[in-house]
Amino acid sequence: MNDIFNEVDEEVRRDKAVAFFNKHGTKFIVAAVAIVAGVAGWRFYQDQQFQQRAALGARFEAALVDANSGKIEALTGLAEDKVGGTYPALAKFRLASELARTGKDEAGAKNAASAFDALANDSSIPADWRELAKLRAAYALLNTAPYEEIEKRLLPLSEGKAAFRHSAREGIAMAAYKAGKSDKALDALQAIILDADAPAGLRQRAEVMLSVVRAGAKS
């Protein structure tokens, strides 16, 4: 008797399954095809992205070789590439660094600072790169801008556990010493020396400069 009931239950379940498939089967097939197509499309996109990055990397290496031999304009095309990403940003850093190296007068320093400022305001590049660009912009102006501008640029980078706080403090100290503000120079230098995470070489420079500033302040 139980066998008969079991057979009836199986028939009922089979009929329900067939009816359910007839009603919804097409939806499942379409969904499965969409998933397969989506995975294939994503893999194609990843392959395209990889090939694009590889091509940009090759262009950057070739342009860097040219730039190191004096043909700095080789980086311009890559820097202006609308694709964005790492290599165009690196090209812009290299071009800005060249402006900083060659811009000895006030106008040249401002051009270099503007190039670094553009990088600092570029939200498409990593945050630590933008912070580095802010630091480089201030250093480009170190010999031409008034102390107040250097302090305004570097002070936010010198606080707490900021990644470039040691270099920012050193820049503040140099600008303050140049402007005759010994107290501010001493504060910045002592902050470097007392920071346990300060690199040994930078701490040594700070100690030497501290002695110079103190000697000048007493004379």
N, C-alpha and C. Protein backbone atom coordinates (compact mmCIF):
# COMPACT_ATOMS: atom_id res chain seq x y z
N MET A 1 0.83 -1.21 0.00
CA MET A 1 0.00 0.00 0.00
C MET A 1 0.86 1.26 0.00
N ASN A 2 1.90 1.20 0.81
CA ASN A 2 2.82 2.35 0.87
C ASN A 2 3.47 2.59 -0.48
N ASP A 3 3.79 1.51 -1.19
CA ASP A 3 4.43 1.65 -2.49
C ASP A 3 3.54 2.42 -3.46
N ILE A 4 2.24 2.14 -3.40
CA ILE A 4 1.29 2.83 -4.29
C ILE A 4 1.29 4.32 -4.00
N PHE A 5 1.22 4.64 -2.69
CA PHE A 5 1.23 6.07 -2.30
C PHE A 5 2.52 6.76 -2.72
N ASN A 6 3.63 6.04 -2.59
CA ASN A 6 4.93 6.61 -2.98
C ASN A 6 4.97 6.90 -4.47
N GLU A 7 4.42 5.94 -5.26
CA GLU A 7 4.38 6.13 -6.71
C GLU A 7 3.52 7.33 -7.08
N VAL A 8 2.40 7.47 -6.38
CA VAL A 8 1.51 8.62 -6.64
C VAL A 8 2.22 9.92 -6.31
N ASP A 9 2.92 9.93 -5.15
CA ASP A 9 3.66 11.14 -4.75
C ASP A 9 4.72 11.51 -5.78
N GLU A 10 5.42 10.50 -6.28
CA GLU A 10 6.46 10.75 -7.29
C GLU A 10 5.85 11.32 -8.57
N GLU A 11 4.71 10.76 -8.98
CA GLU A 11 4.03 11.26 -10.18
C GLU A 11 3.62 12.72 -9.99
N VAL A 12 3.08 13.01 -8.79
CA VAL A 12 2.64 14.38 -8.51
C VAL A 12 3.83 15.34 -8.56
N ARG A 13 4.94 14.91 -7.91
CA ARG A 13 6.12 15.77 -7.90
C ARG A 13 6.68 15.97 -9.31
N ARG A 14 6.64 14.88 -10.10
CA ARG A 14 7.14 14.97 -11.47
C ARG A 14 6.29 15.92 -12.29
N ASP A 15 4.96 15.81 -12.12
CA ASP A 15 4.06 16.69 -12.86
C ASP A 15 4.28 18.15 -12.47
N LYS A 16 4.48 18.38 -11.17
CA LYS A 16 4.72 19.74 -10.70
C LYS A 16 6.03 20.30 -11.25
N ALA A 17 7.06 19.44 -11.29
CA ALA A 17 8.36 19.87 -11.81
C ALA A 17 8.25 20.23 -13.27
N VAL A 18 7.53 19.39 -14.05
CA VAL A 18 7.36 19.67 -15.48
C VAL A 18 6.59 20.96 -15.68
N ALA A 19 5.53 21.14 -14.88
CA ALA A 19 4.72 22.36 -15.00
C ALA A 19 5.55 23.60 -14.64
N PHE A 20 6.37 23.46 -13.57
CA PHE A 20 7.21 24.59 -13.15
C PHE A 20 8.23 24.94 -14.23
N PHE A 21 8.84 23.90 -14.84
CA PHE A 21 9.83 24.15 -15.88
C PHE A 21 9.19 24.78 -17.11
N ASN A 22 8.02 24.27 -17.46
CA ASN A 22 7.32 24.83 -18.63
C ASN A 22 7.01 26.31 -18.43
N LYS A 23 6.74 26.66 -17.17
CA LYS A 23 6.37 28.05 -16.87
C LYS A 23 7.60 28.95 -16.73
N HIS A 24 8.67 28.44 -16.07
CA HIS A 24 9.81 29.29 -15.73
C HIS A 24 11.13 28.88 -16.38
N GLY A 25 11.11 27.78 -17.14
CA GLY A 25 12.36 27.26 -17.70
C GLY A 25 13.10 28.26 -18.57
N THR A 26 12.36 28.99 -19.38
CA THR A 26 12.99 29.97 -20.27
C THR A 26 13.76 31.03 -19.48
N LYS A 27 13.18 31.43 -18.33
CA LYS A 27 13.84 32.44 -17.50
C LYS A 27 15.18 31.91 -16.98
N PHE A 28 15.19 30.63 -16.55
CA PHE A 28 16.43 30.05 -16.04
C PHE A 28 17.49 29.96 -17.13
N ILE A 29 17.05 29.58 -18.33
CA ILE A 29 18.00 29.47 -19.45
C ILE A 29 18.59 30.83 -19.78
N VAL A 30 17.73 31.85 -19.85
CA VAL A 30 18.20 33.22 -20.14
C VAL A 30 19.17 33.70 -19.07
N ALA A 31 18.84 33.41 -17.79
CA ALA A 31 19.72 33.83 -16.70
C ALA A 31 21.07 33.13 -16.78
N ALA A 32 21.06 31.85 -17.10
CA ALA A 32 22.31 31.09 -17.22
C ALA A 32 23.16 31.63 -18.35
N VAL A 33 22.52 31.92 -19.49
CA VAL A 33 23.26 32.48 -20.63
C VAL A 33 23.84 33.85 -20.27
N ALA A 34 23.07 34.65 -19.53
CA ALA A 34 23.54 35.99 -19.12
C ALA A 34 24.76 35.89 -18.21
N ILE A 35 24.73 34.91 -17.30
CA ILE A 35 25.86 34.72 -16.38
C ILE A 35 27.11 34.32 -17.16
N VAL A 36 26.95 33.37 -18.08
CA VAL A 36 28.09 32.92 -18.88
C VAL A 36 28.64 34.08 -19.72
N ALA A 37 27.74 34.85 -20.33
CA ALA A 37 28.17 35.99 -21.14
C ALA A 37 28.86 37.05 -20.28
N GLY A 38 28.33 37.25 -19.08
CA GLY A 38 28.93 38.23 -18.18
C GLY A 38 30.34 37.85 -17.77
N VAL A 39 30.53 36.57 -17.45
CA VAL A 39 31.87 36.08 -17.08
C VAL A 39 32.83 36.22 -18.25
N ALA A 40 32.37 35.84 -19.43
CA ALA A 40 33.22 35.96 -20.62
C ALA A 40 33.57 37.42 -20.90
N GLY A 41 32.56 38.29 -20.75
CA GLY A 41 32.80 39.72 -20.97
C GLY A 41 33.79 40.29 -19.98
N TRP A 42 33.66 39.88 -18.72
CA TRP A 42 34.58 40.37 -17.68
C TRP A 42 36.00 39.90 -17.95
N ARG A 43 36.17 38.65 -18.37
CA ARG A 43 37.50 38.15 -18.70
C ARG A 43 38.10 38.89 -19.89
N PHE A 44 37.26 39.18 -20.88
CA PHE A 44 37.72 39.94 -22.04
C PHE A 44 38.17 41.33 -21.62
N TYR A 45 37.38 41.95 -20.72
CA TYR A 45 37.73 43.29 -20.22
C TYR A 45 39.05 43.25 -19.47
N GLN A 46 39.25 42.22 -18.63
CA GLN A 46 40.49 42.10 -17.88
C GLN A 46 41.68 41.92 -18.82
N ASP A 47 41.50 41.12 -19.86
CA ASP A 47 42.58 40.91 -20.84
C ASP A 47 42.92 42.22 -21.55
N GLN A 48 41.89 42.96 -21.90
CA GLN A 48 42.10 44.24 -22.57
C GLN A 48 42.84 45.22 -21.66
N GLN A 49 42.44 45.25 -20.39
CA GLN A 49 43.08 46.13 -19.43
C GLN A 49 44.55 45.75 -19.23
N PHE A 50 44.82 44.45 -19.15
CA PHE A 50 46.20 43.98 -18.98
C PHE A 50 47.05 44.38 -20.18
N GLN A 51 46.53 44.18 -21.38
CA GLN A 51 47.27 44.54 -22.59
C GLN A 51 47.51 46.04 -22.66
N GLN A 52 46.51 46.81 -22.25
CA GLN A 52 46.64 48.26 -22.26
C GLN A 52 47.71 48.72 -21.27
N ARG A 53 47.70 48.14 -20.05
CA ARG A 53 48.70 48.50 -19.05
C ARG A 53 50.10 48.09 -19.50
N ALA A 54 50.21 46.93 -20.13
CA ALA A 54 51.50 46.46 -20.62
C ALA A 54 52.04 47.40 -21.70
N ALA A 55 51.15 47.84 -22.59
CA ALA A 55 51.57 48.78 -23.65
C ALA A 55 52.01 50.11 -23.05
N LEU A 56 51.25 50.61 -22.06
CA LEU A 56 51.62 51.86 -21.40
C LEU A 56 52.95 51.72 -20.67
N GLY A 57 53.17 50.56 -20.04
CA GLY A 57 54.42 50.33 -19.35
C GLY A 57 55.60 50.36 -20.30
N ALA A 58 55.44 49.75 -21.46
CA ALA A 58 56.50 49.76 -22.46
C ALA A 58 56.77 51.17 -22.97
N ARG A 59 55.69 51.92 -23.18
CA ARG A 59 55.85 53.32 -23.62
C ARG A 59 56.57 54.15 -22.56
N PHE A 60 56.21 53.93 -21.30
CA PHE A 60 56.84 54.70 -20.22
C PHE A 60 58.33 54.38 -20.12
N GLU A 61 58.69 53.11 -20.20
CA GLU A 61 60.09 52.73 -20.11
C GLU A 61 60.90 53.35 -21.25
N ALA A 62 60.35 53.30 -22.47
CA ALA A 62 61.04 53.88 -23.62
C ALA A 62 61.17 55.39 -23.47
N ALA A 63 60.09 56.05 -23.01
CA ALA A 63 60.12 57.50 -22.83
C ALA A 63 61.09 57.90 -21.73
N LEU A 64 61.18 57.07 -20.69
CA LEU A 64 62.09 57.36 -19.58
C LEU A 64 63.54 57.28 -20.03
N VAL A 65 63.84 56.30 -20.87
CA VAL A 65 65.20 56.18 -21.43
C VAL A 65 65.53 57.43 -22.23
N ASP A 66 64.59 57.89 -23.06
CA ASP A 66 64.81 59.11 -23.85
C ASP A 66 64.97 60.32 -22.94
N ALA A 67 64.13 60.39 -21.89
CA ALA A 67 64.19 61.54 -20.98
C ALA A 67 65.52 61.59 -20.24
N ASN A 68 66.02 60.43 -19.84
CA ASN A 68 67.30 60.37 -19.13
C ASN A 68 68.48 60.75 -20.02
N SER A 69 68.27 60.68 -21.32
CA SER A 69 69.32 61.10 -22.25
C SER A 69 69.11 62.52 -22.76
N GLY A 70 68.18 63.23 -22.10
CA GLY A 70 67.99 64.65 -22.43
C GLY A 70 66.75 64.94 -23.26
N LYS A 71 66.06 63.91 -23.73
CA LYS A 71 64.86 64.12 -24.56
C LYS A 71 63.62 64.06 -23.67
N ILE A 72 63.49 65.05 -22.80
CA ILE A 72 62.41 65.04 -21.81
C ILE A 72 61.03 65.11 -22.45
N GLU A 73 60.97 65.68 -23.67
CA GLU A 73 59.67 65.81 -24.35
C GLU A 73 59.07 64.45 -24.68
N ALA A 74 59.88 63.40 -24.60
CA ALA A 74 59.36 62.05 -24.89
C ALA A 74 58.27 61.66 -23.92
N LEU A 75 58.26 62.25 -22.74
CA LEU A 75 57.26 61.91 -21.72
C LEU A 75 55.96 62.69 -21.88
N THR A 76 56.00 63.74 -22.69
CA THR A 76 54.83 64.61 -22.80
C THR A 76 53.60 63.88 -23.32
N GLY A 77 53.78 63.11 -24.39
CA GLY A 77 52.66 62.39 -24.97
C GLY A 77 52.02 61.43 -23.99
N LEU A 78 52.86 60.72 -23.23
CA LEU A 78 52.34 59.77 -22.25
C LEU A 78 51.63 60.51 -21.11
N ALA A 79 52.18 61.64 -20.70
CA ALA A 79 51.57 62.41 -19.61
C ALA A 79 50.19 62.94 -20.00
N GLU A 80 49.99 63.17 -21.29
CA GLU A 80 48.72 63.71 -21.77
C GLU A 80 47.73 62.62 -22.17
N ASP A 81 48.13 61.36 -22.01
CA ASP A 81 47.25 60.25 -22.37
C ASP A 81 45.99 60.28 -21.49
N LYS A 82 44.85 60.22 -22.12
CA LYS A 82 43.57 60.32 -21.40
C LYS A 82 43.18 59.03 -20.70
N VAL A 83 43.94 57.97 -20.92
CA VAL A 83 43.58 56.70 -20.31
C VAL A 83 43.72 56.72 -18.80
N GLY A 84 44.60 57.59 -18.28
CA GLY A 84 44.81 57.70 -16.84
C GLY A 84 45.60 56.53 -16.30
N GLY A 85 45.68 56.46 -14.99
CA GLY A 85 46.39 55.35 -14.37
C GLY A 85 47.81 55.71 -13.96
N THR A 86 48.58 54.67 -13.66
CA THR A 86 49.89 54.83 -13.05
C THR A 86 50.90 55.51 -13.96
N TYR A 87 51.04 55.02 -15.19
CA TYR A 87 52.13 55.49 -16.03
C TYR A 87 51.99 56.94 -16.48
N PRO A 88 50.81 57.40 -16.89
CA PRO A 88 50.69 58.83 -17.18
C PRO A 88 51.00 59.70 -15.96
N ALA A 89 50.59 59.24 -14.77
CA ALA A 89 50.89 60.00 -13.56
C ALA A 89 52.39 60.04 -13.28
N LEU A 90 53.07 58.92 -13.48
CA LEU A 90 54.52 58.89 -13.30
C LEU A 90 55.22 59.81 -14.30
N ALA A 91 54.70 59.84 -15.52
CA ALA A 91 55.26 60.74 -16.53
C ALA A 91 55.10 62.19 -16.09
N LYS A 92 53.95 62.52 -15.52
CA LYS A 92 53.71 63.89 -15.04
C LYS A 92 54.66 64.23 -13.89
N PHE A 93 54.89 63.29 -12.99
CA PHE A 93 55.84 63.51 -11.90
C PHE A 93 57.24 63.79 -12.45
N ARG A 94 57.62 63.00 -13.44
CA ARG A 94 58.96 63.17 -14.02
C ARG A 94 59.09 64.52 -14.71
N LEU A 95 58.06 64.94 -15.41
CA LEU A 95 58.08 66.25 -16.08
C LEU A 95 58.11 67.38 -15.05
N ALA A 96 57.33 67.25 -13.99
CA ALA A 96 57.33 68.27 -12.94
C ALA A 96 58.69 68.33 -12.25
N SER A 97 59.31 67.17 -12.05
CA SER A 97 60.65 67.14 -11.43
C SER A 97 61.67 67.83 -12.31
N GLU A 98 61.51 67.68 -13.61
CA GLU A 98 62.43 68.36 -14.54
C GLU A 98 62.24 69.88 -14.47
N LEU A 99 61.00 70.31 -14.35
CA LEU A 99 60.74 71.75 -14.20
C LEU A 99 61.37 72.27 -12.91
N ALA A 100 61.28 71.48 -11.85
CA ALA A 100 61.86 71.89 -10.57
C ALA A 100 63.39 71.95 -10.66
N ARG A 101 63.96 71.04 -11.42
CA ARG A 101 65.43 71.01 -11.56
C ARG A 101 65.96 72.18 -12.36
N THR A 102 65.22 72.55 -13.40
CA THR A 102 65.71 73.60 -14.31
C THR A 102 65.18 74.99 -13.96
N GLY A 103 64.09 75.04 -13.18
CA GLY A 103 63.48 76.35 -12.88
C GLY A 103 64.17 77.04 -11.71
N LYS A 104 65.21 77.75 -11.99
CA LYS A 104 66.01 78.37 -10.93
C LYS A 104 65.46 79.71 -10.47
N ASP A 105 64.76 80.42 -11.35
CA ASP A 105 64.22 81.73 -10.96
C ASP A 105 62.81 81.58 -10.41
N GLU A 106 62.21 82.70 -10.02
CA GLU A 106 60.88 82.65 -9.40
C GLU A 106 59.83 82.10 -10.34
N ALA A 107 59.88 82.52 -11.61
CA ALA A 107 58.89 82.05 -12.58
C ALA A 107 59.03 80.54 -12.80
N GLY A 108 60.26 80.07 -12.90
CA GLY A 108 60.49 78.64 -13.09
C GLY A 108 60.02 77.84 -11.90
N ALA A 109 60.26 78.36 -10.70
CA ALA A 109 59.82 77.67 -9.48
C ALA A 109 58.30 77.59 -9.43
N LYS A 110 57.63 78.65 -9.83
CA LYS A 110 56.16 78.65 -9.83
C LYS A 110 55.61 77.66 -10.85
N ASN A 111 56.27 77.54 -12.00
CA ASN A 111 55.83 76.56 -13.00
C ASN A 111 55.94 75.14 -12.46
N ALA A 112 57.05 74.87 -11.79
CA ALA A 112 57.24 73.54 -11.21
C ALA A 112 56.20 73.27 -10.12
N ALA A 113 55.98 74.26 -9.27
CA ALA A 113 55.00 74.09 -8.19
C ALA A 113 53.60 73.87 -8.77
N SER A 114 53.27 74.57 -9.85
CA SER A 114 51.96 74.40 -10.48
C SER A 114 51.79 72.99 -11.04
N ALA A 115 52.87 72.45 -11.60
CA ALA A 115 52.81 71.09 -12.13
C ALA A 115 52.57 70.08 -11.01
N PHE A 116 53.24 70.28 -9.88
CA PHE A 116 53.03 69.38 -8.74
C PHE A 116 51.66 69.61 -8.11
N ASP A 117 51.20 70.86 -8.10
CA ASP A 117 49.87 71.15 -7.56
C ASP A 117 48.78 70.42 -8.36
N ALA A 118 48.98 70.38 -9.69
CA ALA A 118 48.00 69.67 -10.54
C ALA A 118 47.92 68.19 -10.16
N LEU A 119 49.07 67.61 -9.85
CA LEU A 119 49.09 66.21 -9.41
C LEU A 119 48.45 66.06 -8.04
N ALA A 120 48.71 67.02 -7.16
CA ALA A 120 48.14 66.97 -5.81
C ALA A 120 46.62 67.04 -5.84
N ASN A 121 46.07 67.64 -6.88
CA ASN A 121 44.62 67.80 -6.99
C ASN A 121 43.97 66.74 -7.89
N ASP A 122 44.78 65.78 -8.33
CA ASP A 122 44.27 64.74 -9.22
C ASP A 122 43.73 63.56 -8.40
N SER A 123 42.44 63.46 -8.30
CA SER A 123 41.81 62.43 -7.46
C SER A 123 41.93 61.02 -8.04
N SER A 124 42.44 60.91 -9.28
CA SER A 124 42.56 59.59 -9.90
C SER A 124 43.83 58.86 -9.48
N ILE A 125 44.74 59.55 -8.80
CA ILE A 125 45.99 58.90 -8.39
C ILE A 125 45.93 58.62 -6.88
N PRO A 126 46.74 57.69 -6.37
CA PRO A 126 46.68 57.34 -4.94
C PRO A 126 46.92 58.53 -4.02
N ALA A 127 46.34 58.46 -2.83
CA ALA A 127 46.42 59.57 -1.87
C ALA A 127 47.85 59.89 -1.48
N ASP A 128 48.69 58.85 -1.29
CA ASP A 128 50.07 59.13 -0.89
C ASP A 128 50.86 59.80 -2.00
N TRP A 129 50.49 59.55 -3.26
CA TRP A 129 51.13 60.25 -4.37
C TRP A 129 50.74 61.73 -4.35
N ARG A 130 49.48 61.99 -4.01
CA ARG A 130 49.04 63.39 -3.95
C ARG A 130 49.75 64.13 -2.82
N GLU A 131 49.96 63.43 -1.69
CA GLU A 131 50.69 64.05 -0.59
C GLU A 131 52.14 64.33 -0.99
N LEU A 132 52.75 63.40 -1.72
CA LEU A 132 54.11 63.61 -2.20
C LEU A 132 54.17 64.81 -3.14
N ALA A 133 53.16 64.95 -3.99
CA ALA A 133 53.12 66.08 -4.91
C ALA A 133 53.03 67.41 -4.15
N LYS A 134 52.27 67.43 -3.05
CA LYS A 134 52.19 68.64 -2.22
C LYS A 134 53.56 68.98 -1.64
N LEU A 135 54.25 67.96 -1.17
CA LEU A 135 55.59 68.16 -0.61
C LEU A 135 56.55 68.71 -1.67
N ARG A 136 56.52 68.11 -2.86
CA ARG A 136 57.42 68.53 -3.92
C ARG A 136 57.10 69.95 -4.39
N ALA A 137 55.82 70.32 -4.39
CA ALA A 137 55.44 71.68 -4.77
C ALA A 137 56.04 72.69 -3.82
N ALA A 138 55.98 72.41 -2.52
CA ALA A 138 56.54 73.32 -1.52
C ALA A 138 58.07 73.41 -1.66
N TYR A 139 58.70 72.28 -1.88
CA TYR A 139 60.16 72.28 -2.04
C TYR A 139 60.59 73.03 -3.29
N ALA A 140 59.77 72.99 -4.33
CA ALA A 140 60.09 73.74 -5.55
C ALA A 140 60.12 75.24 -5.29
N LEU A 141 59.34 75.69 -4.30
CA LEU A 141 59.24 77.12 -3.99
C LEU A 141 60.16 77.55 -2.85
N LEU A 142 60.93 76.62 -2.32
CA LEU A 142 61.68 76.86 -1.09
C LEU A 142 62.62 78.07 -1.18
N ASN A 143 63.21 78.27 -2.32
CA ASN A 143 64.20 79.35 -2.45
C ASN A 143 63.62 80.66 -2.96
N THR A 144 62.35 80.66 -3.33
CA THR A 144 61.78 81.88 -3.93
C THR A 144 60.55 82.40 -3.20
N ALA A 145 59.78 81.54 -2.57
CA ALA A 145 58.53 81.97 -1.93
C ALA A 145 58.78 82.42 -0.50
N PRO A 146 57.93 83.29 0.04
CA PRO A 146 58.07 83.71 1.44
C PRO A 146 57.80 82.55 2.39
N TYR A 147 58.32 82.68 3.59
CA TYR A 147 58.18 81.60 4.58
C TYR A 147 56.72 81.23 4.82
N GLU A 148 55.85 82.22 4.87
CA GLU A 148 54.44 81.97 5.18
C GLU A 148 53.80 81.00 4.18
N GLU A 149 54.18 81.13 2.91
CA GLU A 149 53.61 80.22 1.91
C GLU A 149 54.14 78.80 2.10
N ILE A 150 55.44 78.68 2.37
CA ILE A 150 56.02 77.36 2.60
C ILE A 150 55.39 76.70 3.83
N GLU A 151 55.23 77.46 4.89
CA GLU A 151 54.63 76.93 6.11
C GLU A 151 53.19 76.48 5.85
N LYS A 152 52.45 77.29 5.11
CA LYS A 152 51.05 76.95 4.81
C LYS A 152 50.95 75.64 4.04
N ARG A 153 51.90 75.43 3.14
CA ARG A 153 51.88 74.22 2.34
C ARG A 153 52.35 72.99 3.12
N LEU A 154 53.36 73.17 3.96
CA LEU A 154 54.00 72.02 4.61
C LEU A 154 53.43 71.67 5.98
N LEU A 155 52.84 72.63 6.67
CA LEU A 155 52.37 72.36 8.02
C LEU A 155 51.38 71.20 8.08
N PRO A 156 50.39 71.11 7.17
CA PRO A 156 49.46 69.98 7.23
C PRO A 156 50.15 68.63 7.00
N LEU A 157 51.27 68.66 6.26
CA LEU A 157 52.00 67.42 5.98
C LEU A 157 52.92 67.01 7.11
N SER A 158 53.12 67.91 8.08
CA SER A 158 54.10 67.67 9.15
C SER A 158 53.45 67.15 10.43
N GLU A 159 52.14 67.07 10.44
CA GLU A 159 51.43 66.77 11.69
C GLU A 159 51.19 65.28 11.89
N GLY A 160 51.09 64.89 13.17
CA GLY A 160 50.72 63.51 13.52
C GLY A 160 51.62 62.47 12.91
N LYS A 161 51.00 61.49 12.27
CA LYS A 161 51.73 60.40 11.64
C LYS A 161 51.71 60.50 10.12
N ALA A 162 51.60 61.71 9.61
CA ALA A 162 51.59 61.90 8.16
C ALA A 162 52.82 61.26 7.53
N ALA A 163 52.63 60.65 6.36
CA ALA A 163 53.68 59.85 5.74
C ALA A 163 54.96 60.63 5.48
N PHE A 164 54.82 61.90 5.09
CA PHE A 164 55.99 62.70 4.72
C PHE A 164 56.29 63.78 5.76
N ARG A 165 55.93 63.50 7.02
CA ARG A 165 56.08 64.53 8.06
C ARG A 165 57.55 64.92 8.30
N HIS A 166 58.46 63.97 8.18
CA HIS A 166 59.86 64.27 8.44
C HIS A 166 60.42 65.26 7.41
N SER A 167 60.14 64.98 6.14
CA SER A 167 60.60 65.87 5.07
C SER A 167 59.88 67.22 5.14
N ALA A 168 58.61 67.20 5.52
CA ALA A 168 57.86 68.45 5.64
C ALA A 168 58.46 69.32 6.74
N ARG A 169 58.81 68.70 7.87
CA ARG A 169 59.42 69.45 8.98
C ARG A 169 60.78 70.00 8.57
N GLU A 170 61.53 69.22 7.82
CA GLU A 170 62.84 69.70 7.36
C GLU A 170 62.67 70.90 6.43
N GLY A 171 61.66 70.83 5.56
CA GLY A 171 61.40 71.96 4.67
C GLY A 171 61.00 73.21 5.43
N ILE A 172 60.16 73.03 6.46
CA ILE A 172 59.77 74.16 7.30
C ILE A 172 60.99 74.76 7.99
N ALA A 173 61.87 73.89 8.49
CA ALA A 173 63.07 74.36 9.18
C ALA A 173 63.97 75.16 8.24
N MET A 174 64.15 74.67 7.03
CA MET A 174 65.01 75.38 6.07
C MET A 174 64.42 76.73 5.69
N ALA A 175 63.10 76.74 5.44
CA ALA A 175 62.45 78.00 5.08
C ALA A 175 62.48 78.99 6.24
N ALA A 176 62.28 78.49 7.45
CA ALA A 176 62.30 79.37 8.64
C ALA A 176 63.70 79.94 8.87
N TYR A 177 64.71 79.10 8.75
CA TYR A 177 66.09 79.57 8.94
C TYR A 177 66.44 80.63 7.90
N LYS A 178 66.04 80.39 6.65
CA LYS A 178 66.29 81.34 5.57
C LYS A 178 65.60 82.67 5.85
N ALA A 179 64.42 82.63 6.48
CA ALA A 179 63.64 83.84 6.76
C ALA A 179 64.03 84.49 8.09
N GLY A 180 65.01 83.90 8.79
CA GLY A 180 65.44 84.46 10.07
C GLY A 180 64.50 84.14 11.23
N LYS A 181 63.67 83.12 11.08
CA LYS A 181 62.72 82.73 12.13
C LYS A 181 63.30 81.53 12.89
N SER A 182 64.27 81.81 13.75
CA SER A 182 65.01 80.74 14.43
C SER A 182 64.11 79.87 15.30
N ASP A 183 63.14 80.49 15.96
CA ASP A 183 62.29 79.71 16.87
C ASP A 183 61.50 78.65 16.11
N LYS A 184 60.97 79.01 14.95
CA LYS A 184 60.21 78.05 14.15
C LYS A 184 61.12 76.97 13.58
N ALA A 185 62.33 77.36 13.19
CA ALA A 185 63.29 76.38 12.69
C ALA A 185 63.65 75.38 13.79
N LEU A 186 63.88 75.88 15.00
CA LEU A 186 64.22 75.00 16.13
C LEU A 186 63.08 74.04 16.44
N ASP A 187 61.85 74.53 16.42
CA ASP A 187 60.69 73.67 16.70
C ASP A 187 60.60 72.53 15.69
N ALA A 188 60.78 72.87 14.42
CA ALA A 188 60.67 71.85 13.37
C ALA A 188 61.79 70.83 13.47
N LEU A 189 63.00 71.29 13.75
CA LEU A 189 64.15 70.39 13.85
C LEU A 189 64.04 69.48 15.06
N GLN A 190 63.59 70.02 16.17
CA GLN A 190 63.43 69.20 17.38
C GLN A 190 62.34 68.15 17.18
N ALA A 191 61.31 68.50 16.42
CA ALA A 191 60.24 67.53 16.13
C ALA A 191 60.79 66.34 15.34
N ILE A 192 61.73 66.62 14.44
CA ILE A 192 62.36 65.53 13.68
C ILE A 192 63.19 64.65 14.62
N ILE A 193 64.02 65.28 15.43
CA ILE A 193 64.95 64.55 16.30
C ILE A 193 64.20 63.70 17.33
N LEU A 194 63.08 64.21 17.82
CA LEU A 194 62.33 63.50 18.86
C LEU A 194 61.40 62.42 18.31
N ASP A 195 61.24 62.39 17.01
CA ASP A 195 60.37 61.40 16.39
C ASP A 195 61.16 60.11 16.18
N ALA A 196 60.78 59.07 16.89
CA ALA A 196 61.52 57.80 16.83
C ALA A 196 61.48 57.17 15.44
N ASP A 197 60.50 57.55 14.64
CA ASP A 197 60.37 56.96 13.31
C ASP A 197 61.14 57.73 12.24
N ALA A 198 61.78 58.83 12.61
CA ALA A 198 62.52 59.63 11.64
C ALA A 198 63.71 58.83 11.11
N PRO A 199 63.94 58.83 9.80
CA PRO A 199 65.10 58.11 9.24
C PRO A 199 66.40 58.63 9.84
N ALA A 200 67.37 57.74 10.02
CA ALA A 200 68.63 58.10 10.67
C ALA A 200 69.35 59.24 9.95
N GLY A 201 69.40 59.18 8.62
CA GLY A 201 70.08 60.22 7.86
C GLY A 201 69.45 61.58 8.04
N LEU A 202 68.12 61.61 8.03
CA LEU A 202 67.41 62.88 8.20
C LEU A 202 67.60 63.41 9.61
N ARG A 203 67.60 62.52 10.61
CA ARG A 203 67.81 62.95 12.00
C ARG A 203 69.21 63.55 12.17
N GLN A 204 70.19 62.96 11.52
CA GLN A 204 71.55 63.50 11.59
C GLN A 204 71.63 64.89 10.97
N ARG A 205 70.98 65.06 9.83
CA ARG A 205 70.95 66.40 9.21
C ARG A 205 70.27 67.40 10.13
N ALA A 206 69.20 66.96 10.78
CA ALA A 206 68.48 67.85 11.69
C ALA A 206 69.35 68.26 12.87
N GLU A 207 70.13 67.32 13.38
CA GLU A 207 71.01 67.64 14.51
C GLU A 207 72.08 68.64 14.11
N VAL A 208 72.65 68.47 12.91
CA VAL A 208 73.67 69.42 12.41
C VAL A 208 73.04 70.79 12.22
N MET A 209 71.88 70.82 11.59
CA MET A 209 71.21 72.10 11.34
C MET A 209 70.78 72.76 12.64
N LEU A 210 70.39 71.94 13.62
CA LEU A 210 70.00 72.48 14.93
C LEU A 210 71.17 73.24 15.56
N SER A 211 72.35 72.67 15.47
CA SER A 211 73.54 73.34 16.01
C SER A 211 73.79 74.66 15.29
N VAL A 212 73.61 74.66 13.97
CA VAL A 212 73.81 75.88 13.18
C VAL A 212 72.80 76.94 13.57
N VAL A 213 71.55 76.54 13.69
CA VAL A 213 70.49 77.51 14.05
C VAL A 213 70.73 78.08 15.44
N ARG A 214 71.07 77.22 16.39
CA ARG A 214 71.33 77.68 17.75
C ARG A 214 72.52 78.65 17.79
N ALA A 215 73.55 78.33 17.03
CA ALA A 215 74.72 79.22 16.99
C ALA A 215 74.35 80.56 16.40
N GLY A 216 73.53 80.55 15.37
CA GLY A 216 73.09 81.81 14.75
C GLY A 216 72.17 82.59 15.65
N ALA A 217 71.34 81.90 16.41
CA ALA A 217 70.40 82.59 17.31
C ALA A 217 71.13 83.27 18.45
N LYS A 218 72.27 82.71 18.87
CA LYS A 218 73.03 83.28 20.00
C LYS A 218 73.89 84.44 19.58
N SER A 219 74.30 84.47 18.29
CA SER A 219 75.22 85.52 17.83
C SER A 219 74.52 86.85 17.61
